Protein backbone atom coordinates (compact mmCIF):
# COMPACT_ATOMS: atom_id res chain seq x y z
CA MET A 1 12.32 27.98 27.07
CA ALA A 2 10.76 24.70 26.20
CA LYS A 3 11.71 21.64 25.59
CA MET A 4 10.31 19.05 23.50
CA ILE A 5 9.33 15.56 25.03
CA HIS A 6 6.71 13.88 23.34
CA SER A 7 4.70 13.20 19.67
CA MET A 8 2.04 11.31 19.92
CA ILE A 9 0.00 8.73 17.73
CA ARG A 10 -2.78 6.75 18.18
CA VAL A 11 -2.79 3.56 17.26
CA LEU A 12 -5.38 0.31 16.64
CA ASP A 13 -3.06 -2.47 18.36
CA GLU A 14 -1.02 -1.81 21.73
CA ALA A 15 1.20 -5.42 21.18
CA ARG A 16 1.16 -5.04 17.49
CA SER A 17 2.46 -1.24 17.17
CA VAL A 18 5.12 -2.05 20.48
CA ASP A 19 6.43 -4.79 18.83
CA PHE A 20 7.66 -2.58 15.21
CA TYR A 21 8.60 0.56 17.39
CA SER A 22 10.82 -2.32 18.99
CA LYS A 23 12.04 -4.26 16.38
CA VAL A 24 12.97 -0.90 14.23
CA PHE A 25 13.81 1.72 16.65
CA GLY A 26 14.85 -0.01 19.29
CA LEU A 27 12.54 1.76 21.49
CA LYS A 28 11.65 0.06 24.92
CA VAL A 29 8.41 1.06 26.68
CA ALA A 30 9.05 3.29 29.36
CA ASP A 31 5.75 3.60 30.92
CA ARG A 32 2.51 2.29 30.30
CA VAL A 33 -0.75 4.99 31.71
CA ASP A 34 -3.79 3.01 31.72
CA PHE A 35 -7.33 4.41 32.22
CA GLU A 36 -11.04 3.82 32.09
CA THR A 37 -11.16 4.56 28.02
CA PHE A 38 -7.50 4.68 27.00
CA THR A 39 -4.49 3.67 27.36
CA LEU A 40 -0.76 6.05 27.00
CA ILE A 41 2.29 3.90 26.15
CA TYR A 42 5.25 6.02 26.61
CA MET A 43 8.47 4.42 24.39
CA SER A 44 12.50 5.38 24.09
CA ASN A 45 15.73 4.56 23.87
CA GLU A 46 19.09 6.31 25.65
CA GLU A 47 19.83 7.74 22.74
CA THR A 48 17.09 10.23 23.47
CA GLY A 49 15.04 12.43 26.44
CA PHE A 50 12.66 12.27 23.77
CA GLU A 51 9.82 9.74 23.97
CA LEU A 52 6.96 8.59 21.28
CA GLU A 53 3.22 8.29 23.36
CA LEU A 54 1.22 5.90 21.76
CA THR A 55 -2.34 6.26 22.67
CA VAL A 56 -4.71 3.34 22.46
CA ASN A 57 -8.41 3.95 22.17
CA LYS A 58 -10.05 1.03 24.17
CA GLY A 59 -13.40 -0.16 22.06
CA ARG A 60 -11.73 1.04 18.62
CA ILE A 61 -11.69 -0.94 15.92
CA GLU A 62 -11.76 1.05 12.72
CA PRO A 63 -8.23 1.61 11.77
CA TYR A 64 -7.43 5.85 11.87
CA ASN A 65 -8.46 8.02 9.03
CA LEU A 66 -4.99 9.66 8.86
CA GLY A 67 -6.35 12.54 6.04
CA ASP A 68 -4.09 14.57 4.65
CA ALA A 69 -2.38 17.14 7.45
CA TYR A 70 -0.09 14.49 8.96
CA GLY A 71 3.35 14.51 7.46
CA HIS A 72 5.76 12.14 9.26
CA LEU A 73 8.17 11.42 12.66
CA ALA A 74 11.93 11.77 11.40
CA VAL A 75 14.88 9.54 13.57
CA SER A 76 18.72 9.80 12.63
CA VAL A 77 20.83 7.01 12.88
CA GLN A 78 24.58 6.26 12.31
CA GLU A 79 24.17 3.94 9.39
CA VAL A 80 21.45 4.66 6.94
CA GLN A 81 22.19 1.63 4.95
CA VAL A 82 22.44 -0.92 7.38
CA GLU A 83 19.19 -0.59 9.14
CA HIS A 84 17.78 -0.34 5.71
CA LYS A 85 19.13 -3.79 5.13
CA ARG A 86 18.47 -4.95 8.52
CA LEU A 87 14.48 -4.25 7.62
CA THR A 88 14.48 -5.39 4.65
CA ASP A 89 15.96 -8.94 5.89
CA LEU A 90 13.19 -8.45 8.50
CA GLY A 91 10.36 -7.92 5.74
CA LEU A 92 9.30 -4.88 6.75
CA ASN A 93 9.64 -3.64 3.24
CA PRO A 94 11.17 0.05 3.77
CA GLY A 95 10.70 2.85 0.99
CA LYS A 96 14.31 3.09 -1.74
CA LEU A 97 17.69 4.73 0.08
CA VAL A 98 17.33 8.75 -1.32
CA GLU A 99 19.53 11.17 -1.72
CA LEU A 100 18.67 14.65 -1.21
CA ASN A 101 21.34 17.08 -3.06
CA ARG A 102 21.27 21.13 -2.73
CA ASP A 103 23.78 23.33 -4.10
CA GLY A 104 25.84 19.96 -5.40
CA LYS A 105 26.49 19.07 -1.57
CA LEU A 106 24.45 16.39 0.21
CA PHE A 107 21.49 17.36 1.87
CA GLY A 108 19.98 14.08 3.16
CA LEU A 109 20.91 10.46 2.94
CA PHE A 110 17.57 8.95 3.88
CA PHE A 111 14.06 6.11 3.32
CA PHE A 112 11.20 6.13 4.75
CA ILE A 113 9.22 2.54 6.31
CA THR A 114 6.00 2.83 7.74
CA ASP A 115 4.50 1.42 11.26
CA PRO A 116 1.35 -0.91 11.26
CA ASP A 117 -1.18 1.95 11.18
CA GLY A 118 -0.27 3.72 8.30
CA TYR A 119 2.19 6.18 9.66
CA LYS A 120 5.12 7.26 8.06
CA ILE A 121 8.54 7.48 10.13
CA GLU A 122 11.62 9.31 7.82
CA VAL A 123 14.90 7.29 9.14
CA LEU A 124 18.28 9.25 8.17
CA GLN A 125 21.85 9.58 8.38
CA ARG A 126 23.16 10.81 10.98
CA TYR A 127 24.95 14.48 8.76
CA GLY A 128 24.83 17.94 8.95
CA ARG A 129 21.75 18.88 10.41
CA PHE A 130 20.18 15.47 11.30
CA GLN A 131 22.40 14.62 14.02
């Protein structure tokens, strides 16, 4: 059986991205591995063993073209409305809160926020399948 362990995204500015993911999701640098042409930064927290791998390609100065294939990362939180307010108060401009219903029942309560490189992250209330 396979176990998912991380997802990787390419970022332009290490410090800016580490600050964003630390401030928004409480992720901390678990490991930083420097190579000649790139650096890998693994970020995680005590909530999960899954990591976010930030890849910084040295010498890159132009933002990445995300294209139309990238979807989003998703995280779950205890109180999505509290997190939405916290991020709004930090001036990080989260998207509107969305309630998604199916067959007359709540399926998901969420909002999206965009990181400094343009990646979308879905922030979901821990409920139902989104634990």
